[in-house]
Amino acid sequence: MVNEKSEKYLNENIIRIEDPNHQFKDYGINSHEVVLYSKAHRAVLIAEEEIKNKATEAFRHFVEDYCKESGISFISNGSEHYLDVFKKELDK
């Protein structure tokens, strides 16, 4: 699964280098495109944030909709509390 936002960020931060002597071939680099570590790290953070957002929305749907449909209204009525607990667990 490729995160579109992080991939876009990486593509916007590619550095194209000249390697006329093919010095990088020994490192398994077939391309002359590199990304700085700090930019790659930021892309990982972007992807993590997107994953957290998707997980939170899926949990919100479960707590608010599924629990309500299943007759477990005390959970769906307290959805904000359960969402806060869920978000804290994600941030550990």
C-alpha atoms as a PDB file:
ATOM      1  CA  MET A   1       0.000   0.000   0.000  1.00  0.00           C
ATOM      2  CA  VAL A   2       1.523   3.286  -1.092  1.00  0.00           C
ATOM      3  CA  ASN A   3       0.456   6.428   0.706  1.00  0.00           C
ATOM      4  CA  GLU A   4      -0.358   9.004  -1.955  1.00  0.00           C
ATOM      5  CA  LYS A   5       0.499  12.066   0.148  1.00  0.00           C
ATOM      6  CA  SER A   6       3.890  10.724   1.207  1.00  0.00           C
ATOM      7  CA  GLU A   7       4.695   9.552  -2.317  1.00  0.00           C
ATOM      8  CA  LYS A   8       3.787  12.987  -3.686  1.00  0.00           C
ATOM      9  CA  TYR A   9       5.989  14.613  -1.032  1.00  0.00           C
ATOM     10  CA  LEU A  10       8.917  12.353  -1.958  1.00  0.00           C
ATOM     11  CA  ASN A  11       8.473  13.012  -5.668  1.00  0.00           C
ATOM     12  CA  GLU A  12       8.472  16.755  -5.000  1.00  0.00           C
ATOM     13  CA  ASN A  13      11.746  16.434  -3.066  1.00  0.00           C
ATOM     14  CA  ILE A  14      13.795  14.225  -5.362  1.00  0.00           C
ATOM     15  CA  ILE A  15      17.292  15.419  -6.068  1.00  0.00           C
ATOM     16  CA  ARG A  16      18.619  14.432  -9.438  1.00  0.00           C
ATOM     17  CA  ILE A  17      22.375  13.969  -9.468  1.00  0.00           C
ATOM     18  CA  GLU A  18      24.906  13.592 -12.194  1.00  0.00           C
ATOM     19  CA  ASP A  19      26.978  10.420 -11.963  1.00  0.00           C
ATOM     20  CA  PRO A  20      29.094  10.357 -15.105  1.00  0.00           C
ATOM     21  CA  ASN A  21      31.608   7.939 -13.551  1.00  0.00           C
ATOM     22  CA  HIS A  22      28.892   5.520 -12.355  1.00  0.00           C
ATOM     23  CA  GLN A  23      30.137   5.730  -8.763  1.00  0.00           C
ATOM     24  CA  PHE A  24      26.766   4.730  -7.318  1.00  0.00           C
ATOM     25  CA  LYS A  25      26.366   1.460  -9.198  1.00  0.00           C
ATOM     26  CA  ASP A  26      28.216  -0.426  -6.432  1.00  0.00           C
ATOM     27  CA  TYR A  27      25.465   0.629  -3.992  1.00  0.00           C
ATOM     28  CA  GLY A  28      22.706  -0.891  -6.083  1.00  0.00           C
ATOM     29  CA  ILE A  29      21.433   2.493  -7.160  1.00  0.00           C
ATOM     30  CA  ASN A  30      20.148   2.237 -10.694  1.00  0.00           C
ATOM     31  CA  SER A  31      18.764   5.726 -10.786  1.00  0.00           C
ATOM     32  CA  HIS A  32      20.352   9.089 -10.248  1.00  0.00           C
ATOM     33  CA  GLU A  33      17.488  10.261  -8.097  1.00  0.00           C
ATOM     34  CA  VAL A  34      17.982  10.517  -4.351  1.00  0.00           C
ATOM     35  CA  VAL A  35      16.023  11.879  -1.427  1.00  0.00           C
ATOM     36  CA  LEU A  36      17.602  13.354   1.664  1.00  0.00           C
ATOM     37  CA  TYR A  37      17.097  11.399   4.867  1.00  0.00           C
ATOM     38  CA  SER A  38      15.198  14.299   6.455  1.00  0.00           C
ATOM     39  CA  LYS A  39      12.772  14.360   3.523  1.00  0.00           C
ATOM     40  CA  ALA A  40      12.307  10.590   3.645  1.00  0.00           C
ATOM     41  CA  HIS A  41      11.670  10.806   7.388  1.00  0.00           C
ATOM     42  CA  ARG A  42       9.048  13.503   6.802  1.00  0.00           C
ATOM     43  CA  ALA A  43       7.365  11.279   4.196  1.00  0.00           C
ATOM     44  CA  VAL A  44       7.149   8.488   6.791  1.00  0.00           C
ATOM     45  CA  LEU A  45       5.541  10.908   9.256  1.00  0.00           C
ATOM     46  CA  ILE A  46       3.014  11.957   6.603  1.00  0.00           C
ATOM     47  CA  ALA A  47       2.144   8.312   5.948  1.00  0.00           C
ATOM     48  CA  GLU A  48       1.824   7.575   9.677  1.00  0.00           C
ATOM     49  CA  GLU A  49      -0.546  10.515  10.113  1.00  0.00           C
ATOM     50  CA  GLU A  50      -2.691   9.296   7.235  1.00  0.00           C
ATOM     51  CA  ILE A  51      -2.823   5.793   8.715  1.00  0.00           C
ATOM     52  CA  LYS A  52      -3.869   7.217  12.093  1.00  0.00           C
ATOM     53  CA  ASN A  53      -6.583   9.299  10.437  1.00  0.00           C
ATOM     54  CA  LYS A  54      -7.941   6.300   8.546  1.00  0.00           C
ATOM     55  CA  ALA A  55      -7.868   4.121  11.654  1.00  0.00           C
ATOM     56  CA  THR A  56      -9.634   6.798  13.685  1.00  0.00           C
ATOM     57  CA  GLU A  57     -12.352   7.199  11.057  1.00  0.00           C
ATOM     58  CA  ALA A  58     -12.858   3.431  10.884  1.00  0.00           C
ATOM     59  CA  PHE A  59     -13.102   3.256  14.675  1.00  0.00           C
ATOM     60  CA  ARG A  60     -15.478   6.237  14.711  1.00  0.00           C
ATOM     61  CA  HIS A  61     -17.708   4.450  12.204  1.00  0.00           C
ATOM     62  CA  PHE A  62     -17.664   1.298  14.313  1.00  0.00           C
ATOM     63  CA  VAL A  63     -18.435   3.079  17.579  1.00  0.00           C
ATOM     64  CA  GLU A  64     -21.049   5.496  16.289  1.00  0.00           C
ATOM     65  CA  ASP A  65     -22.815   3.482  13.615  1.00  0.00           C
ATOM     66  CA  TYR A  66     -22.298  -0.216  14.212  1.00  0.00           C
ATOM     67  CA  CYS A  67     -22.760  -0.060  17.974  1.00  0.00           C
ATOM     68  CA  LYS A  68     -25.902   2.031  17.536  1.00  0.00           C
ATOM     69  CA  GLU A  69     -27.294  -0.380  14.921  1.00  0.00           C
ATOM     70  CA  SER A  70     -26.458  -3.306  17.196  1.00  0.00           C
ATOM     71  CA  GLY A  71     -28.355  -1.800  20.092  1.00  0.00           C
ATOM     72  CA  ILE A  72     -25.270  -0.989  22.148  1.00  0.00           C
ATOM     73  CA  SER A  73     -26.296   2.628  22.570  1.00  0.00           C
ATOM     74  CA  PHE A  74     -24.251   3.271  25.725  1.00  0.00           C
ATOM     75  CA  ILE A  75     -21.110   2.885  23.599  1.00  0.00           C
ATOM     76  CA  SER A  76     -22.350   4.936  20.647  1.00  0.00           C
ATOM     77  CA  ASN A  77     -23.613   7.657  23.013  1.00  0.00           C
ATOM     78  CA  GLY A  78     -20.157   7.892  24.589  1.00  0.00           C
ATOM     79  CA  SER A  79     -18.334   7.828  21.275  1.00  0.00           C
ATOM     80  CA  GLU A  80     -16.196  10.916  21.951  1.00  0.00           C
ATOM     81  CA  HIS A  81     -14.764   9.303  25.086  1.00  0.00           C
ATOM     82  CA  TYR A  82     -13.927   6.083  23.250  1.00  0.00           C
ATOM     83  CA  LEU A  83     -12.422   8.021  20.341  1.00  0.00           C
ATOM     84  CA  ASP A  84     -10.210   9.988  22.732  1.00  0.00           C
ATOM     85  CA  VAL A  85      -9.005   6.758  24.351  1.00  0.00           C
ATOM     86  CA  PHE A  86      -8.380   5.231  20.904  1.00  0.00           C
ATOM     87  CA  LYS A  87      -6.365   8.270  19.745  1.00  0.00           C
ATOM     88  CA  LYS A  88      -4.230   8.152  22.907  1.00  0.00           C
ATOM     89  CA  GLU A  89      -3.500   4.478  22.253  1.00  0.00           C
ATOM     90  CA  LEU A  90      -2.461   5.285  18.670  1.00  0.00           C
ATOM     91  CA  ASP A  91      -0.033   7.924  19.916  1.00  0.00           C
ATOM     92  CA  LYS A  92       1.830   5.550  22.242  1.00  0.00           C
END
